[in-house]
Amino acid sequence: MPKYLIDVNLPYYFGLWNSEEYVHQIDIDAAMKDKEIWDYAKEHELTIITKDSDFSNRIMFKEPPPKVIHIRFGNMSMKEFHKTVKEAWVGVIEMNKDYKLVNVYKDKIEGIK
């Protein structure tokens, strides 16, 4: 059963996110609007993983579900992106249990209740 919804703006071919716990928006409907993604994640109790600030802005005024993991790095190579996410991911998942928003920066992870 999936726990996380990967937004279309994140890499599809990333081994970390290719398991039964993750569903990619592109596999549901690549043309979904933000509201549709939000509603789908809420209905299925999924955490949205995204680079889109619209979701982290929305969760500040809502209560979960869904929760949001906001990847907030600037532009970087795909190799550096994969390395940075892999190094932080265990901490991100742990924080996701207790926080409605987890911001993932290149050098830190921040949780917001």
PDB file of N, CA and C in Angstrom:
ATOM      1  N   MET A   1       0.844  -1.180   0.000  1.00  0.00           N
ATOM      2  CA  MET A   1       0.000   0.000   0.000  1.00  0.00           C
ATOM      3  C   MET A   1       0.893   1.250   0.000  1.00  0.00           C
ATOM      4  N   PRO A   2       0.677   2.164  -0.930  1.00  0.00           N
ATOM      5  CA  PRO A   2       1.499   3.380  -0.981  1.00  0.00           C
ATOM      6  C   PRO A   2       1.301   4.284   0.235  1.00  0.00           C
ATOM      7  N   LYS A   3       2.377   4.951   0.621  1.00  0.00           N
ATOM      8  CA  LYS A   3       2.345   5.936   1.702  1.00  0.00           C
ATOM      9  C   LYS A   3       2.684   7.331   1.191  1.00  0.00           C
ATOM     10  N   TYR A   4       3.335   7.385   0.025  1.00  0.00           N
ATOM     11  CA  TYR A   4       3.866   8.643  -0.493  1.00  0.00           C
ATOM     12  C   TYR A   4       3.474   8.834  -1.950  1.00  0.00           C
ATOM     13  N   LEU A   5       3.161  10.079  -2.293  1.00  0.00           N
ATOM     14  CA  LEU A   5       2.831  10.455  -3.662  1.00  0.00           C
ATOM     15  C   LEU A   5       3.940  11.369  -4.177  1.00  0.00           C
ATOM     16  N   ILE A   6       4.645  10.928  -5.202  1.00  0.00           N
ATOM     17  CA  ILE A   6       5.746  11.689  -5.781  1.00  0.00           C
ATOM     18  C   ILE A   6       5.190  12.608  -6.858  1.00  0.00           C
ATOM     19  N   ASP A   7       5.366  13.903  -6.667  1.00  0.00           N
ATOM     20  CA  ASP A   7       4.910  14.904  -7.619  1.00  0.00           C
ATOM     21  C   ASP A   7       5.650  14.733  -8.947  1.00  0.00           C
ATOM     22  N   VAL A   8       4.993  15.132 -10.019  1.00  0.00           N
ATOM     23  CA  VAL A   8       5.519  14.961 -11.366  1.00  0.00           C
ATOM     24  C   VAL A   8       6.827  15.723 -11.596  1.00  0.00           C
ATOM     25  N   ASN A   9       7.099  16.726 -10.771  1.00  0.00           N
ATOM     26  CA  ASN A   9       8.308  17.526 -10.954  1.00  0.00           C
ATOM     27  C   ASN A   9       9.564  16.899 -10.353  1.00  0.00           C
ATOM     28  N   LEU A  10       9.454  15.696  -9.818  1.00  0.00           N
ATOM     29  CA  LEU A  10      10.598  14.980  -9.256  1.00  0.00           C
ATOM     30  C   LEU A  10      10.955  13.783 -10.129  1.00  0.00           C
ATOM     31  N   PRO A  11      12.203  13.318 -10.041  1.00  0.00           N
ATOM     32  CA  PRO A  11      12.649  12.236 -10.935  1.00  0.00           C
ATOM     33  C   PRO A  11      11.850  10.943 -10.773  1.00  0.00           C
ATOM     34  N   TYR A  12      11.420  10.425 -11.898  1.00  0.00           N
ATOM     35  CA  TYR A  12      10.672   9.164 -11.918  1.00  0.00           C
ATOM     36  C   TYR A  12      11.609   7.979 -11.694  1.00  0.00           C
ATOM     37  N   TYR A  13      12.748   8.025 -12.330  1.00  0.00           N
ATOM     38  CA  TYR A  13      13.699   6.914 -12.229  1.00  0.00           C
ATOM     39  C   TYR A  13      14.695   7.179 -11.114  1.00  0.00           C
ATOM     40  N   PHE A  14      14.239   6.964  -9.894  1.00  0.00           N
ATOM     41  CA  PHE A  14      15.066   7.147  -8.707  1.00  0.00           C
ATOM     42  C   PHE A  14      14.796   5.941  -7.823  1.00  0.00           C
ATOM     43  N   GLY A  15      15.784   5.076  -7.700  1.00  0.00           N
ATOM     44  CA  GLY A  15      15.607   3.810  -7.007  1.00  0.00           C
ATOM     45  C   GLY A  15      14.987   3.926  -5.629  1.00  0.00           C
ATOM     46  N   LEU A  16      15.303   4.987  -4.920  1.00  0.00           N
ATOM     47  CA  LEU A  16      14.781   5.178  -3.569  1.00  0.00           C
ATOM     48  C   LEU A  16      13.253   5.228  -3.556  1.00  0.00           C
ATOM     49  N   TRP A  17      12.673   5.764  -4.626  1.00  0.00           N
ATOM     50  CA  TRP A  17      11.227   5.948  -4.689  1.00  0.00           C
ATOM     51  C   TRP A  17      10.523   4.932  -5.585  1.00  0.00           C
ATOM     52  N   ASN A  18      11.180   3.872  -5.940  1.00  0.00           N
ATOM     53  CA  ASN A  18      10.561   2.844  -6.776  1.00  0.00           C
ATOM     54  C   ASN A  18      10.307   1.587  -5.954  1.00  0.00           C
ATOM     55  N   SER A  19       9.310   1.685  -5.087  1.00  0.00           N
ATOM     56  CA  SER A  19       8.864   0.551  -4.282  1.00  0.00           C
ATOM     57  C   SER A  19       7.360   0.695  -4.076  1.00  0.00           C
ATOM     58  N   GLU A  20       6.780  -0.266  -3.413  1.00  0.00           N
ATOM     59  CA  GLU A  20       5.328  -0.264  -3.180  1.00  0.00           C
ATOM     60  C   GLU A  20       4.877   0.892  -2.291  1.00  0.00           C
ATOM     61  N   GLU A  21       5.794   1.488  -1.535  1.00  0.00           N
ATOM     62  CA  GLU A  21       5.419   2.592  -0.649  1.00  0.00           C
ATOM     63  C   GLU A  21       5.208   3.910  -1.394  1.00  0.00           C
ATOM     64  N   TYR A  22       5.654   3.968  -2.640  1.00  0.00           N
ATOM     65  CA  TYR A  22       5.614   5.210  -3.396  1.00  0.00           C
ATOM     66  C   TYR A  22       4.764   5.045  -4.653  1.00  0.00           C
ATOM     67  N   VAL A  23       3.949   6.050  -4.924  1.00  0.00           N
ATOM     68  CA  VAL A  23       3.207   6.107  -6.177  1.00  0.00           C
ATOM     69  C   VAL A  23       3.572   7.438  -6.834  1.00  0.00           C
ATOM     70  N   HIS A  24       3.816   7.388  -8.119  1.00  0.00           N
ATOM     71  CA  HIS A  24       4.195   8.584  -8.862  1.00  0.00           C
ATOM     72  C   HIS A  24       2.960   9.195  -9.510  1.00  0.00           C
ATOM     73  N   GLN A  25       2.846  10.490  -9.404  1.00  0.00           N
ATOM     74  CA  GLN A  25       1.715  11.188 -10.005  1.00  0.00           C
ATOM     75  C   GLN A  25       1.567  10.817 -11.476  1.00  0.00           C
ATOM     76  N   ILE A  26       2.670  10.702 -12.160  1.00  0.00           N
ATOM     77  CA  ILE A  26       2.626  10.404 -13.591  1.00  0.00           C
ATOM     78  C   ILE A  26       1.927   9.062 -13.869  1.00  0.00           C
ATOM     79  N   ASP A  27       1.972   8.143 -12.903  1.00  0.00           N
ATOM     80  CA  ASP A  27       1.292   6.852 -13.067  1.00  0.00           C
ATOM     81  C   ASP A  27      -0.206   6.951 -12.787  1.00  0.00           C
ATOM     82  N   ILE A  28      -0.629   8.022 -12.144  1.00  0.00           N
ATOM     83  CA  ILE A  28      -2.055   8.250 -11.876  1.00  0.00           C
ATOM     84  C   ILE A  28      -2.629   9.103 -13.004  1.00  0.00           C
ATOM     85  N   ASP A  29      -2.045  10.305 -13.161  1.00  0.00           N
ATOM     86  CA  ASP A  29      -2.468  11.236 -14.207  1.00  0.00           C
ATOM     87  C   ASP A  29      -1.465  12.380 -14.229  1.00  0.00           C
ATOM     88  N   ALA A  30      -0.630  12.423 -15.239  1.00  0.00           N
ATOM     89  CA  ALA A  30       0.430  13.434 -15.340  1.00  0.00           C
ATOM     90  C   ALA A  30      -0.129  14.849 -15.427  1.00  0.00           C
ATOM     91  N   ALA A  31      -1.381  14.996 -15.820  1.00  0.00           N
ATOM     92  CA  ALA A  31      -1.973  16.323 -16.014  1.00  0.00           C
ATOM     93  C   ALA A  31      -2.744  16.827 -14.788  1.00  0.00           C
ATOM     94  N   MET A  32      -2.675  16.114 -13.676  1.00  0.00           N
ATOM     95  CA  MET A  32      -3.404  16.535 -12.479  1.00  0.00           C
ATOM     96  C   MET A  32      -2.976  17.929 -12.046  1.00  0.00           C
ATOM     97  N   LYS A  33      -3.925  18.732 -11.674  1.00  0.00           N
ATOM     98  CA  LYS A  33      -3.669  20.058 -11.109  1.00  0.00           C
ATOM     99  C   LYS A  33      -3.350  19.895  -9.616  1.00  0.00           C
ATOM    100  N   ASP A  34      -2.762  20.927  -9.023  1.00  0.00           N
ATOM    101  CA  ASP A  34      -2.374  20.850  -7.614  1.00  0.00           C
ATOM    102  C   ASP A  34      -3.540  20.459  -6.705  1.00  0.00           C
ATOM    103  N   LYS A  35      -4.708  21.025  -6.926  1.00  0.00           N
ATOM    104  CA  LYS A  35      -5.883  20.703  -6.103  1.00  0.00           C
ATOM    105  C   LYS A  35      -6.247  19.224  -6.230  1.00  0.00           C
ATOM    106  N   GLU A  36      -6.153  18.678  -7.439  1.00  0.00           N
ATOM    107  CA  GLU A  36      -6.459  17.260  -7.653  1.00  0.00           C
ATOM    108  C   GLU A  36      -5.427  16.369  -6.967  1.00  0.00           C
ATOM    109  N   ILE A  37      -4.171  16.772  -7.014  1.00  0.00           N
ATOM    110  CA  ILE A  37      -3.114  16.019  -6.326  1.00  0.00           C
ATOM    111  C   ILE A  37      -3.380  16.034  -4.831  1.00  0.00           C
ATOM    112  N   TRP A  38      -3.677  17.220  -4.309  1.00  0.00           N
ATOM    113  CA  TRP A  38      -3.968  17.379  -2.879  1.00  0.00           C
ATOM    114  C   TRP A  38      -5.140  16.477  -2.472  1.00  0.00           C
ATOM    115  N   ASP A  39      -6.229  16.536  -3.220  1.00  0.00           N
ATOM    116  CA  ASP A  39      -7.422  15.751  -2.895  1.00  0.00           C
ATOM    117  C   ASP A  39      -7.145  14.250  -2.986  1.00  0.00           C
ATOM    118  N   TYR A  40      -6.393  13.838  -3.995  1.00  0.00           N
ATOM    119  CA  TYR A  40      -6.045  12.417  -4.148  1.00  0.00           C
ATOM    120  C   TYR A  40      -5.214  11.957  -2.950  1.00  0.00           C
ATOM    121  N   ALA A  41      -4.205  12.745  -2.591  1.00  0.00           N
ATOM    122  CA  ALA A  41      -3.349  12.386  -1.460  1.00  0.00           C
ATOM    123  C   ALA A  41      -4.153  12.349  -0.160  1.00  0.00           C
ATOM    124  N   LYS A  42      -5.050  13.293   0.011  1.00  0.00           N
ATOM    125  CA  LYS A  42      -5.881  13.324   1.213  1.00  0.00           C
ATOM    126  C   LYS A  42      -6.776  12.086   1.280  1.00  0.00           C
ATOM    127  N   GLU A  43      -7.440  11.786   0.180  1.00  0.00           N
ATOM    128  CA  GLU A  43      -8.350  10.636   0.128  1.00  0.00           C
ATOM    129  C   GLU A  43      -7.626   9.324   0.417  1.00  0.00           C
ATOM    130  N   HIS A  44      -6.380   9.207  -0.045  1.00  0.00           N
ATOM    131  CA  HIS A  44      -5.619   7.965   0.110  1.00  0.00           C
ATOM    132  C   HIS A  44      -4.612   8.016   1.266  1.00  0.00           C
ATOM    133  N   GLU A  45      -4.672   9.109   2.064  1.00  0.00           N
ATOM    134  CA  GLU A  45      -3.792   9.306   3.214  1.00  0.00           C
ATOM    135  C   GLU A  45      -2.321   9.153   2.839  1.00  0.00           C
ATOM    136  N   LEU A  46      -1.928   9.857   1.775  1.00  0.00           N
ATOM    137  CA  LEU A  46      -0.557   9.840   1.285  1.00  0.00           C
ATOM    138  C   LEU A  46       0.153  11.130   1.671  1.00  0.00           C
ATOM    139  N   THR A  47       1.449  11.051   1.850  1.00  0.00           N
ATOM    140  CA  THR A  47       2.287  12.238   2.009  1.00  0.00           C
ATOM    141  C   THR A  47       2.742  12.661   0.624  1.00  0.00           C
ATOM    142  N   ILE A  48       2.592  13.929   0.301  1.00  0.00           N
ATOM    143  CA  ILE A  48       3.031  14.461  -0.991  1.00  0.00           C
ATOM    144  C   ILE A  48       4.517  14.814  -0.892  1.00  0.00           C
ATOM    145  N   ILE A  49       5.300  14.302  -1.821  1.00  0.00           N
ATOM    146  CA  ILE A  49       6.715  14.654  -1.924  1.00  0.00           C
ATOM    147  C   ILE A  49       6.845  15.524  -3.166  1.00  0.00           C
ATOM    148  N   THR A  50       7.377  16.737  -2.988  1.00  0.00           N
ATOM    149  CA  THR A  50       7.337  17.721  -4.064  1.00  0.00           C
ATOM    150  C   THR A  50       8.481  18.715  -3.971  1.00  0.00           C
ATOM    151  N   LYS A  51       8.687  19.454  -5.051  1.00  0.00           N
ATOM    152  CA  LYS A  51       9.554  20.639  -5.048  1.00  0.00           C
ATOM    153  C   LYS A  51       8.691  21.902  -5.170  1.00  0.00           C
ATOM    154  N   ASP A  52       7.395  21.739  -5.245  1.00  0.00           N
ATOM    155  CA  ASP A  52       6.441  22.821  -5.484  1.00  0.00           C
ATOM    156  C   ASP A  52       6.044  23.480  -4.154  1.00  0.00           C
ATOM    157  N   SER A  53       6.332  24.747  -4.001  1.00  0.00           N
ATOM    158  CA  SER A  53       6.029  25.452  -2.749  1.00  0.00           C
ATOM    159  C   SER A  53       4.531  25.613  -2.504  1.00  0.00           C
ATOM    160  N   ASP A  54       3.708  25.439  -3.533  1.00  0.00           N
ATOM    161  CA  ASP A  54       2.257  25.562  -3.340  1.00  0.00           C
ATOM    162  C   ASP A  54       1.750  24.578  -2.289  1.00  0.00           C
ATOM    163  N   PHE A  55       2.310  23.363  -2.276  1.00  0.00           N
ATOM    164  CA  PHE A  55       1.859  22.362  -1.310  1.00  0.00           C
ATOM    165  C   PHE A  55       2.299  22.703   0.110  1.00  0.00           C
ATOM    166  N   SER A  56       3.529  23.178   0.269  1.00  0.00           N
ATOM    167  CA  SER A  56       3.976  23.534   1.623  1.00  0.00           C
ATOM    168  C   SER A  56       3.242  24.777   2.117  1.00  0.00           C
ATOM    169  N   ASN A  57       2.904  25.682   1.228  1.00  0.00           N
ATOM    170  CA  ASN A  57       2.095  26.845   1.627  1.00  0.00           C
ATOM    171  C   ASN A  57       0.707  26.398   2.074  1.00  0.00           C
ATOM    172  N   ARG A  58       0.110  25.482   1.342  1.00  0.00           N
ATOM    173  CA  ARG A  58      -1.247  25.016   1.660  1.00  0.00           C
ATOM    174  C   ARG A  58      -1.287  24.277   2.999  1.00  0.00           C
ATOM    175  N   ILE A  59      -0.296  23.442   3.282  1.00  0.00           N
ATOM    176  CA  ILE A  59      -0.330  22.655   4.517  1.00  0.00           C
ATOM    177  C   ILE A  59      -0.188  23.539   5.752  1.00  0.00           C
ATOM    178  N   MET A  60       0.353  24.734   5.589  1.00  0.00           N
ATOM    179  CA  MET A  60       0.480  25.645   6.733  1.00  0.00           C
ATOM    180  C   MET A  60      -0.892  26.075   7.252  1.00  0.00           C
ATOM    181  N   PHE A  61      -1.918  25.995   6.403  1.00  0.00           N
ATOM    182  CA  PHE A  61      -3.260  26.418   6.797  1.00  0.00           C
ATOM    183  C   PHE A  61      -4.238  25.255   6.920  1.00  0.00           C
ATOM    184  N   LYS A  62      -3.750  24.037   6.764  1.00  0.00           N
ATOM    185  CA  LYS A  62      -4.602  22.844   6.809  1.00  0.00           C
ATOM    186  C   LYS A  62      -4.044  21.863   7.830  1.00  0.00           C
ATOM    187  N   GLU A  63      -4.853  20.914   8.168  1.00  0.00           N
ATOM    188  CA  GLU A  63      -4.406  19.797   9.002  1.00  0.00           C
ATOM    189  C   GLU A  63      -4.325  18.558   8.128  1.00  0.00           C
ATOM    190  N   PRO A  64      -3.354  17.694   8.378  1.00  0.00           N
ATOM    191  CA  PRO A  64      -3.229  16.458   7.587  1.00  0.00           C
ATOM    192  C   PRO A  64      -4.437  15.558   7.780  1.00  0.00           C
ATOM    193  N   PRO A  65      -4.696  14.644   6.860  1.00  0.00           N
ATOM    194  CA  PRO A  65      -3.885  14.421   5.665  1.00  0.00           C
ATOM    195  C   PRO A  65      -4.215  15.420   4.568  1.00  0.00           C
ATOM    196  N   PRO A  66      -3.368  15.554   3.579  1.00  0.00           N
ATOM    197  CA  PRO A  66      -2.070  14.895   3.471  1.00  0.00           C
ATOM    198  C   PRO A  66      -1.000  15.663   4.226  1.00  0.00           C
ATOM    199  N   LYS A  67       0.126  15.016   4.421  1.00  0.00           N
ATOM    200  CA  LYS A  67       1.326  15.680   4.892  1.00  0.00           C
ATOM    201  C   LYS A  67       2.142  16.029   3.652  1.00  0.00           C
ATOM    202  N   VAL A  68       3.178  16.850   3.853  1.00  0.00           N
ATOM    203  CA  VAL A  68       3.997  17.292   2.726  1.00  0.00           C
ATOM    204  C   VAL A  68       5.476  17.178   3.084  1.00  0.00           C
ATOM    205  N   ILE A  69       6.241  16.633   2.154  1.00  0.00           N
ATOM    206  CA  ILE A  69       7.697  16.676   2.201  1.00  0.00           C
ATOM    207  C   ILE A  69       8.113  17.574   1.051  1.00  0.00           C
ATOM    208  N   HIS A  70       8.707  18.724   1.402  1.00  0.00           N
ATOM    209  CA  HIS A  70       9.077  19.722   0.393  1.00  0.00           C
ATOM    210  C   HIS A  70      10.595  19.695   0.207  1.00  0.00           C
ATOM    211  N   ILE A  71      11.021  19.271  -0.959  1.00  0.00           N
ATOM    212  CA  ILE A  71      12.446  19.259  -1.293  1.00  0.00           C
ATOM    213  C   ILE A  71      12.795  20.644  -1.802  1.00  0.00           C
ATOM    214  N   ARG A  72      13.672  21.315  -1.072  1.00  0.00           N
ATOM    215  CA  ARG A  72      13.909  22.733  -1.300  1.00  0.00           C
ATOM    216  C   ARG A  72      15.343  23.030  -1.727  1.00  0.00           C
ATOM    217  N   PHE A  73      15.945  22.160  -2.539  1.00  0.00           N
ATOM    218  CA  PHE A  73      17.274  22.504  -3.049  1.00  0.00           C
ATOM    219  C   PHE A  73      17.081  23.307  -4.317  1.00  0.00           C
ATOM    220  N   GLY A  74      18.081  24.101  -4.610  1.00  0.00           N
ATOM    221  CA  GLY A  74      18.095  24.809  -5.884  1.00  0.00           C
ATOM    222  C   GLY A  74      18.490  23.828  -6.985  1.00  0.00           C
ATOM    223  N   ASN A  75      18.890  24.370  -8.093  1.00  0.00           N
ATOM    224  CA  ASN A  75      19.313  23.524  -9.204  1.00  0.00           C
ATOM    225  C   ASN A  75      20.600  22.789  -8.856  1.00  0.00           C
ATOM    226  N   MET A  76      20.645  21.530  -9.200  1.00  0.00           N
ATOM    227  CA  MET A  76      21.845  20.713  -9.012  1.00  0.00           C
ATOM    228  C   MET A  76      21.787  19.563  -9.999  1.00  0.00           C
ATOM    229  N   SER A  77      22.903  18.925 -10.199  1.00  0.00           N
ATOM    230  CA  SER A  77      22.931  17.786 -11.115  1.00  0.00           C
ATOM    231  C   SER A  77      22.083  16.656 -10.537  1.00  0.00           C
ATOM    232  N   MET A  78      21.629  15.780 -11.411  1.00  0.00           N
ATOM    233  CA  MET A  78      20.817  14.647 -10.956  1.00  0.00           C
ATOM    234  C   MET A  78      21.628  13.762 -10.010  1.00  0.00           C
ATOM    235  N   LYS A  79      22.906  13.596 -10.295  1.00  0.00           N
ATOM    236  CA  LYS A  79      23.771  12.783  -9.429  1.00  0.00           C
ATOM    237  C   LYS A  79      23.834  13.388  -8.027  1.00  0.00           C
ATOM    238  N   GLU A  80      24.013  14.700  -7.936  1.00  0.00           N
ATOM    239  CA  GLU A  80      24.073  15.369  -6.644  1.00  0.00           C
ATOM    240  C   GLU A  80      22.704  15.324  -5.948  1.00  0.00           C
ATOM    241  N   PHE A  81      21.617  15.473  -6.716  1.00  0.00           N
ATOM    242  CA  PHE A  81      20.262  15.386  -6.161  1.00  0.00           C
ATOM    243  C   PHE A  81      20.060  14.015  -5.500  1.00  0.00           C
ATOM    244  N   HIS A  82      20.380  12.952  -6.222  1.00  0.00           N
ATOM    245  CA  HIS A  82      20.202  11.593  -5.693  1.00  0.00           C
ATOM    246  C   HIS A  82      21.031  11.389  -4.429  1.00  0.00           C
ATOM    247  N   LYS A  83      22.274  11.830  -4.452  1.00  0.00           N
ATOM    248  CA  LYS A  83      23.158  11.663  -3.303  1.00  0.00           C
ATOM    249  C   LYS A  83      22.609  12.422  -2.090  1.00  0.00           C
ATOM    250  N   THR A  84      22.198  13.656  -2.287  1.00  0.00           N
ATOM    251  CA  THR A  84      21.691  14.491  -1.197  1.00  0.00           C
ATOM    252  C   THR A  84      20.419  13.892  -0.593  1.00  0.00           C
ATOM    253  N   VAL A  85      19.492  13.465  -1.440  1.00  0.00           N
ATOM    254  CA  VAL A  85      18.242  12.878  -0.943  1.00  0.00           C
ATOM    255  C   VAL A  85      18.523  11.567  -0.209  1.00  0.00           C
ATOM    256  N   LYS A  86      19.343  10.704  -0.785  1.00  0.00           N
ATOM    257  CA  LYS A  86      19.651   9.420  -0.139  1.00  0.00           C
ATOM    258  C   LYS A  86      20.251   9.617   1.249  1.00  0.00           C
ATOM    259  N   GLU A  87      21.153  10.580   1.382  1.00  0.00           N
ATOM    260  CA  GLU A  87      21.799  10.829   2.676  1.00  0.00           C
ATOM    261  C   GLU A  87      20.810  11.323   3.723  1.00  0.00           C
ATOM    262  N   ALA A  88      19.802  12.056   3.315  1.00  0.00           N
ATOM    263  CA  ALA A  88      18.851  12.655   4.257  1.00  0.00           C
ATOM    264  C   ALA A  88      17.602  11.809   4.481  1.00  0.00           C
ATOM    265  N   TRP A  89      17.336  10.823   3.615  1.00  0.00           N
ATOM    266  CA  TRP A  89      16.008  10.218   3.550  1.00  0.00           C
ATOM    267  C   TRP A  89      15.545   9.533   4.832  1.00  0.00           C
ATOM    268  N   VAL A  90      16.408   8.831   5.537  1.00  0.00           N
ATOM    269  CA  VAL A  90      15.984   8.162   6.773  1.00  0.00           C
ATOM    270  C   VAL A  90      15.477   9.209   7.769  1.00  0.00           C
ATOM    271  N   GLY A  91      16.185  10.309   7.895  1.00  0.00           N
ATOM    272  CA  GLY A  91      15.749  11.388   8.784  1.00  0.00           C
ATOM    273  C   GLY A  91      14.462  12.037   8.325  1.00  0.00           C
ATOM    274  N   VAL A  92      14.304  12.190   7.025  1.00  0.00           N
ATOM    275  CA  VAL A  92      13.088  12.779   6.462  1.00  0.00           C
ATOM    276  C   VAL A  92      11.881  11.920   6.815  1.00  0.00           C
ATOM    277  N   ILE A  93      11.998  10.618   6.607  1.00  0.00           N
ATOM    278  CA  ILE A  93      10.889   9.698   6.894  1.00  0.00           C
ATOM    279  C   ILE A  93      10.560   9.699   8.389  1.00  0.00           C
ATOM    280  N   GLU A  94      11.570   9.742   9.230  1.00  0.00           N
ATOM    281  CA  GLU A  94      11.332   9.799  10.680  1.00  0.00           C
ATOM    282  C   GLU A  94      10.585  11.080  11.052  1.00  0.00           C
ATOM    283  N   MET A  95      11.021  12.206  10.506  1.00  0.00           N
ATOM    284  CA  MET A  95      10.354  13.476  10.821  1.00  0.00           C
ATOM    285  C   MET A  95       8.934  13.516  10.272  1.00  0.00           C
ATOM    286  N   ASN A  96       8.707  12.859   9.145  1.00  0.00           N
ATOM    287  CA  ASN A  96       7.377  12.831   8.534  1.00  0.00           C
ATOM    288  C   ASN A  96       6.343  12.206   9.467  1.00  0.00           C
ATOM    289  N   LYS A  97       6.768  11.354  10.381  1.00  0.00           N
ATOM    290  CA  LYS A  97       5.844  10.730  11.325  1.00  0.00           C
ATOM    291  C   LYS A  97       5.240  11.747  12.288  1.00  0.00           C
ATOM    292  N   ASP A  98       6.002  12.779  12.649  1.00  0.00           N
ATOM    293  CA  ASP A  98       5.584  13.721  13.689  1.00  0.00           C
ATOM    294  C   ASP A  98       5.242  15.120  13.193  1.00  0.00           C
ATOM    295  N   TYR A  99       5.582  15.434  11.949  1.00  0.00           N
ATOM    296  CA  TYR A  99       5.384  16.781  11.437  1.00  0.00           C
ATOM    297  C   TYR A  99       4.510  16.771  10.195  1.00  0.00           C
ATOM    298  N   LYS A 100       3.673  17.807  10.051  1.00  0.00           N
ATOM    299  CA  LYS A 100       2.820  17.880   8.869  1.00  0.00           C
ATOM    300  C   LYS A 100       3.591  18.361   7.648  1.00  0.00           C
ATOM    301  N   LEU A 101       4.690  19.078   7.863  1.00  0.00           N
ATOM    302  CA  LEU A 101       5.537  19.565   6.777  1.00  0.00           C
ATOM    303  C   LEU A 101       6.987  19.286   7.137  1.00  0.00           C
ATOM    304  N   VAL A 102       7.690  18.641   6.220  1.00  0.00           N
ATOM    305  CA  VAL A 102       9.125  18.437   6.374  1.00  0.00           C
ATOM    306  C   VAL A 102       9.798  19.141   5.201  1.00  0.00           C
ATOM    307  N   ASN A 103      10.619  20.139   5.514  1.00  0.00           N
ATOM    308  CA  ASN A 103      11.396  20.845   4.504  1.00  0.00           C
ATOM    309  C   ASN A 103      12.779  20.213   4.444  1.00  0.00           C
ATOM    310  N   VAL A 104      13.178  19.826   3.243  1.00  0.00           N
ATOM    311  CA  VAL A 104      14.466  19.181   3.051  1.00  0.00           C
ATOM    312  C   VAL A 104      15.364  20.149   2.285  1.00  0.00           C
ATOM    313  N   TYR A 105      16.384  20.620   2.963  1.00  0.00           N
ATOM    314  CA  TYR A 105      17.364  21.511   2.364  1.00  0.00           C
ATOM    315  C   TYR A 105      18.634  20.704   2.082  1.00  0.00           C
ATOM    316  N   LYS A 106      19.529  21.293   1.353  1.00  0.00           N
ATOM    317  CA  LYS A 106      20.779  20.604   1.026  1.00  0.00           C
ATOM    318  C   LYS A 106      21.573  20.272   2.282  1.00  0.00           C
ATOM    319  N   ASP A 107      21.501  21.118   3.293  1.00  0.00           N
ATOM    320  CA  ASP A 107      22.335  20.937   4.485  1.00  0.00           C
ATOM    321  C   ASP A 107      21.559  20.701   5.785  1.00  0.00           C
ATOM    322  N   LYS A 108      20.211  20.608   5.711  1.00  0.00           N
ATOM    323  CA  LYS A 108      19.436  20.368   6.937  1.00  0.00           C
ATOM    324  C   LYS A 108      18.029  19.898   6.592  1.00  0.00           C
ATOM    325  N   ILE A 109      17.363  19.374   7.620  1.00  0.00           N
ATOM    326  CA  ILE A 109      15.955  18.967   7.525  1.00  0.00           C
ATOM    327  C   ILE A 109      15.218  19.740   8.604  1.00  0.00           C
ATOM    328  N   GLU A 110      14.043  20.265   8.268  1.00  0.00           N
ATOM    329  CA  GLU A 110      13.272  21.085   9.202  1.00  0.00           C
ATOM    330  C   GLU A 110      11.836  20.552   9.237  1.00  0.00           C
ATOM    331  N   GLY A 111      11.314  20.331  10.432  1.00  0.00           N
ATOM    332  CA  GLY A 111       9.929  19.884  10.582  1.00  0.00           C
ATOM    333  C   GLY A 111       9.047  20.986  11.135  1.00  0.00           C
ATOM    334  N   ILE A 112       7.830  21.072  10.633  1.00  0.00           N
ATOM    335  CA  ILE A 112       6.851  22.056  11.099  1.00  0.00           C
ATOM    336  C   ILE A 112       5.577  21.323  11.487  1.00  0.00           C
ATOM    337  N   LYS A 113       5.134  21.549  12.722  1.00  0.00           N
ATOM    338  CA  LYS A 113       3.923  20.868  13.227  1.00  0.00           C
ATOM    339  C   LYS A 113       2.677  21.596  12.822  1.00  0.00           C
TER     340      LYS A 113
END
